[in-house]
């Protein structure tokens, strides 16, 4: 499934809830279903800077796809990283780098986050795209970044 199709599924899921308290609860539930990052990866090396909460993110390259794992010590943030992993994991580096992630605005997520959580969201996306670029450079050296 491509990124836009996953985004459309998420938009549909969030439209099922009338108010933001229900959407927050759904976000928390999504975080509970996040496959946990391996314990040895919960180190400062995988910690995302710029987040109010502690968020760990790891990426690997398998069969031409980037696979993300992550965790957070805060339930809302864990739900946010879960959404981002759902959208961007198992995608090609180019697809991740080109992703606009319009679903974030379409579900109203950014409008309902505190400024510090909103900054954290931006930091998570930036880190995921940096991982995609690094893995593309490492495993697809013949491809020039941005081409």
C-alpha atoms as a PDB file:
ATOM      1  CA  UNK A   1       0.000   0.000   0.000  1.00  0.00           C
ATOM      2  CA  UNK A   2       1.416   3.399  -0.887  1.00  0.00           C
ATOM      3  CA  UNK A   3       1.726   6.355   1.472  1.00  0.00           C
ATOM      4  CA  UNK A   4      -1.301   8.241   0.149  1.00  0.00           C
ATOM      5  CA  UNK A   5      -3.546   5.172   0.531  1.00  0.00           C
ATOM      6  CA  UNK A   6      -2.417   4.719   4.137  1.00  0.00           C
ATOM      7  CA  UNK A   7      -3.012   8.412   4.781  1.00  0.00           C
ATOM      8  CA  UNK A   8      -6.543   8.128   3.358  1.00  0.00           C
ATOM      9  CA  UNK A   9      -7.253   5.188   5.675  1.00  0.00           C
ATOM     10  CA  UNK A  10      -6.091   7.221   8.680  1.00  0.00           C
ATOM     11  CA  UNK A  11      -8.207  10.200   7.616  1.00  0.00           C
ATOM     12  CA  UNK A  12     -11.265   7.918   7.394  1.00  0.00           C
ATOM     13  CA  UNK A  13     -10.529   6.416  10.810  1.00  0.00           C
ATOM     14  CA  UNK A  14     -10.250   9.844  12.455  1.00  0.00           C
ATOM     15  CA  UNK A  15     -13.433  11.115  10.777  1.00  0.00           C
ATOM     16  CA  UNK A  16     -15.326   8.440  12.708  1.00  0.00           C
ATOM     17  CA  UNK A  17     -14.776  10.502  15.875  1.00  0.00           C
ATOM     18  CA  UNK A  18     -16.761  13.685  16.431  1.00  0.00           C
ATOM     19  CA  UNK A  19     -14.629  15.347  19.061  1.00  0.00           C
ATOM     20  CA  UNK A  20     -10.961  15.615  19.865  1.00  0.00           C
ATOM     21  CA  UNK A  21     -11.164  13.797  23.185  1.00  0.00           C
ATOM     22  CA  UNK A  22     -12.253  10.694  21.280  1.00  0.00           C
ATOM     23  CA  UNK A  23      -9.484  11.266  18.739  1.00  0.00           C
ATOM     24  CA  UNK A  24      -6.904  11.595  21.536  1.00  0.00           C
ATOM     25  CA  UNK A  25      -8.161   8.325  23.010  1.00  0.00           C
ATOM     26  CA  UNK A  26      -7.842   6.680  19.602  1.00  0.00           C
ATOM     27  CA  UNK A  27      -4.319   8.066  19.262  1.00  0.00           C
ATOM     28  CA  UNK A  28      -3.444   6.585  22.654  1.00  0.00           C
ATOM     29  CA  UNK A  29      -4.851   3.206  21.575  1.00  0.00           C
ATOM     30  CA  UNK A  30      -2.755   3.335  18.393  1.00  0.00           C
ATOM     31  CA  UNK A  31       0.312   3.925  20.539  1.00  0.00           C
ATOM     32  CA  UNK A  32      -0.472   0.819  22.590  1.00  0.00           C
ATOM     33  CA  UNK A  33      -0.375  -1.297  19.431  1.00  0.00           C
ATOM     34  CA  UNK A  34       3.026   0.047  18.357  1.00  0.00           C
ATOM     35  CA  UNK A  35       5.556  -2.771  18.026  1.00  0.00           C
ATOM     36  CA  UNK A  36       8.193  -1.858  20.563  1.00  0.00           C
ATOM     37  CA  UNK A  37      11.675  -0.854  19.614  1.00  0.00           C
ATOM     38  CA  UNK A  38      14.268  -3.355  20.795  1.00  0.00           C
ATOM     39  CA  UNK A  39      15.603  -2.530  24.250  1.00  0.00           C
ATOM     40  CA  UNK A  40      19.188  -2.136  23.042  1.00  0.00           C
ATOM     41  CA  UNK A  41      17.990   0.652  20.713  1.00  0.00           C
ATOM     42  CA  UNK A  42      16.488   2.725  23.532  1.00  0.00           C
ATOM     43  CA  UNK A  43      19.662   4.752  23.913  1.00  0.00           C
ATOM     44  CA  UNK A  44      20.585   8.386  23.385  1.00  0.00           C
ATOM     45  CA  UNK A  45      21.781   7.502  19.877  1.00  0.00           C
ATOM     46  CA  UNK A  46      18.190   6.814  18.803  1.00  0.00           C
ATOM     47  CA  UNK A  47      16.580   9.575  20.857  1.00  0.00           C
ATOM     48  CA  UNK A  48      14.957  12.307  18.773  1.00  0.00           C
ATOM     49  CA  UNK A  49      16.033  15.769  19.818  1.00  0.00           C
ATOM     50  CA  UNK A  50      13.422  18.489  19.810  1.00  0.00           C
ATOM     51  CA  UNK A  51      10.727  16.431  21.485  1.00  0.00           C
ATOM     52  CA  UNK A  52       9.331  17.291  24.898  1.00  0.00           C
ATOM     53  CA  UNK A  53       8.914  13.591  25.597  1.00  0.00           C
ATOM     54  CA  UNK A  54      11.526  10.937  25.096  1.00  0.00           C
ATOM     55  CA  UNK A  55      11.075   9.395  21.642  1.00  0.00           C
ATOM     56  CA  UNK A  56      13.320   6.692  20.262  1.00  0.00           C
ATOM     57  CA  UNK A  57      13.337   5.896  16.562  1.00  0.00           C
ATOM     58  CA  UNK A  58      15.332   3.348  14.623  1.00  0.00           C
ATOM     59  CA  UNK A  59      15.378   2.554  10.916  1.00  0.00           C
ATOM     60  CA  UNK A  60      16.639  -0.374   8.904  1.00  0.00           C
ATOM     61  CA  UNK A  61      16.744  -1.161   5.188  1.00  0.00           C
ATOM     62  CA  UNK A  62      15.090  -4.368   3.997  1.00  0.00           C
ATOM     63  CA  UNK A  63      14.438  -5.356   0.397  1.00  0.00           C
ATOM     64  CA  UNK A  64      14.575  -1.758  -0.812  1.00  0.00           C
ATOM     65  CA  UNK A  65      12.257  -0.517   1.930  1.00  0.00           C
ATOM     66  CA  UNK A  66      12.847   1.487   5.104  1.00  0.00           C
ATOM     67  CA  UNK A  67      11.474  -0.174   8.228  1.00  0.00           C
ATOM     68  CA  UNK A  68      10.984   1.968  11.321  1.00  0.00           C
ATOM     69  CA  UNK A  69      10.570   1.002  14.958  1.00  0.00           C
ATOM     70  CA  UNK A  70      10.013   3.411  17.793  1.00  0.00           C
ATOM     71  CA  UNK A  71       8.782   4.092  21.281  1.00  0.00           C
ATOM     72  CA  UNK A  72       8.018   6.998  23.593  1.00  0.00           C
ATOM     73  CA  UNK A  73       7.570   7.504  27.310  1.00  0.00           C
ATOM     74  CA  UNK A  74       4.403   9.600  26.742  1.00  0.00           C
ATOM     75  CA  UNK A  75       1.109   8.098  25.556  1.00  0.00           C
ATOM     76  CA  UNK A  76       0.096  10.843  23.085  1.00  0.00           C
ATOM     77  CA  UNK A  77       3.594  11.006  21.620  1.00  0.00           C
ATOM     78  CA  UNK A  78       3.662   7.224  21.324  1.00  0.00           C
ATOM     79  CA  UNK A  79       0.425   7.456  19.343  1.00  0.00           C
ATOM     80  CA  UNK A  80       1.924  10.112  17.068  1.00  0.00           C
ATOM     81  CA  UNK A  81       5.069   8.087  16.340  1.00  0.00           C
ATOM     82  CA  UNK A  82       2.833   5.054  15.780  1.00  0.00           C
ATOM     83  CA  UNK A  83       0.908   6.972  13.093  1.00  0.00           C
ATOM     84  CA  UNK A  84       4.100   8.142  11.411  1.00  0.00           C
ATOM     85  CA  UNK A  85       5.557   4.629  11.446  1.00  0.00           C
ATOM     86  CA  UNK A  86       2.316   3.254  10.006  1.00  0.00           C
ATOM     87  CA  UNK A  87       2.517   5.725   7.110  1.00  0.00           C
ATOM     88  CA  UNK A  88       6.259   5.694   6.383  1.00  0.00           C
ATOM     89  CA  UNK A  89       7.495   2.241   7.352  1.00  0.00           C
ATOM     90  CA  UNK A  90       7.837  -0.349   4.567  1.00  0.00           C
ATOM     91  CA  UNK A  91       8.167   2.403   1.960  1.00  0.00           C
ATOM     92  CA  UNK A  92      11.072   3.198  -0.345  1.00  0.00           C
ATOM     93  CA  UNK A  93      13.491   5.929   0.692  1.00  0.00           C
ATOM     94  CA  UNK A  94      12.310   8.066  -2.246  1.00  0.00           C
ATOM     95  CA  UNK A  95       8.647   7.700  -1.265  1.00  0.00           C
ATOM     96  CA  UNK A  96       9.492   8.781   2.299  1.00  0.00           C
ATOM     97  CA  UNK A  97      11.549  11.732   1.117  1.00  0.00           C
ATOM     98  CA  UNK A  98       8.759  12.867  -1.211  1.00  0.00           C
ATOM     99  CA  UNK A  99       5.916  12.307   1.285  1.00  0.00           C
ATOM    100  CA  UNK A 100       3.935  15.459   2.050  1.00  0.00           C
ATOM    101  CA  UNK A 101       2.111  13.838   5.001  1.00  0.00           C
ATOM    102  CA  UNK A 102      -1.051  15.832   4.295  1.00  0.00           C
ATOM    103  CA  UNK A 103      -3.034  13.581   6.624  1.00  0.00           C
ATOM    104  CA  UNK A 104      -1.586  15.465   9.618  1.00  0.00           C
ATOM    105  CA  UNK A 105      -3.443  18.635   8.647  1.00  0.00           C
ATOM    106  CA  UNK A 106      -6.459  16.797   7.263  1.00  0.00           C
ATOM    107  CA  UNK A 107      -7.180  15.079  10.585  1.00  0.00           C
ATOM    108  CA  UNK A 108      -6.455  18.316  12.467  1.00  0.00           C
ATOM    109  CA  UNK A 109      -3.638  16.803  14.495  1.00  0.00           C
ATOM    110  CA  UNK A 110      -1.270  19.750  14.328  1.00  0.00           C
ATOM    111  CA  UNK A 111      -4.044  22.134  15.408  1.00  0.00           C
ATOM    112  CA  UNK A 112      -4.708  20.066  18.535  1.00  0.00           C
ATOM    113  CA  UNK A 113      -1.163  19.667  19.795  1.00  0.00           C
ATOM    114  CA  UNK A 114       0.626  21.914  22.241  1.00  0.00           C
ATOM    115  CA  UNK A 115       3.438  23.959  20.669  1.00  0.00           C
ATOM    116  CA  UNK A 116       6.061  21.645  22.215  1.00  0.00           C
ATOM    117  CA  UNK A 117       4.314  18.512  20.899  1.00  0.00           C
ATOM    118  CA  UNK A 118       3.924  20.172  17.516  1.00  0.00           C
ATOM    119  CA  UNK A 119       7.674  20.846  17.466  1.00  0.00           C
ATOM    120  CA  UNK A 120       8.219  17.221  18.429  1.00  0.00           C
ATOM    121  CA  UNK A 121       6.059  16.083  15.513  1.00  0.00           C
ATOM    122  CA  UNK A 122       8.201  18.124  13.129  1.00  0.00           C
ATOM    123  CA  UNK A 123      11.352  16.638  14.696  1.00  0.00           C
ATOM    124  CA  UNK A 124      10.007  13.083  14.270  1.00  0.00           C
ATOM    125  CA  UNK A 125       9.226  13.655  10.592  1.00  0.00           C
ATOM    126  CA  UNK A 126      12.599  15.281  10.010  1.00  0.00           C
ATOM    127  CA  UNK A 127      14.399  12.331  11.642  1.00  0.00           C
ATOM    128  CA  UNK A 128      12.440   9.803   9.594  1.00  0.00           C
ATOM    129  CA  UNK A 129      13.336  11.611   6.380  1.00  0.00           C
ATOM    130  CA  UNK A 130      16.984  11.838   7.459  1.00  0.00           C
ATOM    131  CA  UNK A 131      17.024   8.081   8.072  1.00  0.00           C
ATOM    132  CA  UNK A 132      15.497   7.532   4.612  1.00  0.00           C
ATOM    133  CA  UNK A 133      18.151   9.724   3.009  1.00  0.00           C
ATOM    134  CA  UNK A 134      20.971   8.021   4.906  1.00  0.00           C
ATOM    135  CA  UNK A 135      19.726   4.537   3.985  1.00  0.00           C
ATOM    136  CA  UNK A 136      19.224   5.555   0.357  1.00  0.00           C
ATOM    137  CA  UNK A 137      22.777   6.889   0.236  1.00  0.00           C
ATOM    138  CA  UNK A 138      24.176   3.759   1.866  1.00  0.00           C
ATOM    139  CA  UNK A 139      22.227   1.112  -0.045  1.00  0.00           C
ATOM    140  CA  UNK A 140      21.483   2.884  -3.310  1.00  0.00           C
ATOM    141  CA  UNK A 141      24.794   4.693  -3.928  1.00  0.00           C
ATOM    142  CA  UNK A 142      24.249   4.906  -7.670  1.00  0.00           C
ATOM    143  CA  UNK A 143      21.181   7.067  -7.072  1.00  0.00           C
ATOM    144  CA  UNK A 144      21.950  10.688  -6.373  1.00  0.00           C
ATOM    145  CA  UNK A 145      19.981  12.242  -3.496  1.00  0.00           C
ATOM    146  CA  UNK A 146      17.143  14.355  -4.789  1.00  0.00           C
ATOM    147  CA  UNK A 147      17.031  12.713  -8.201  1.00  0.00           C
END
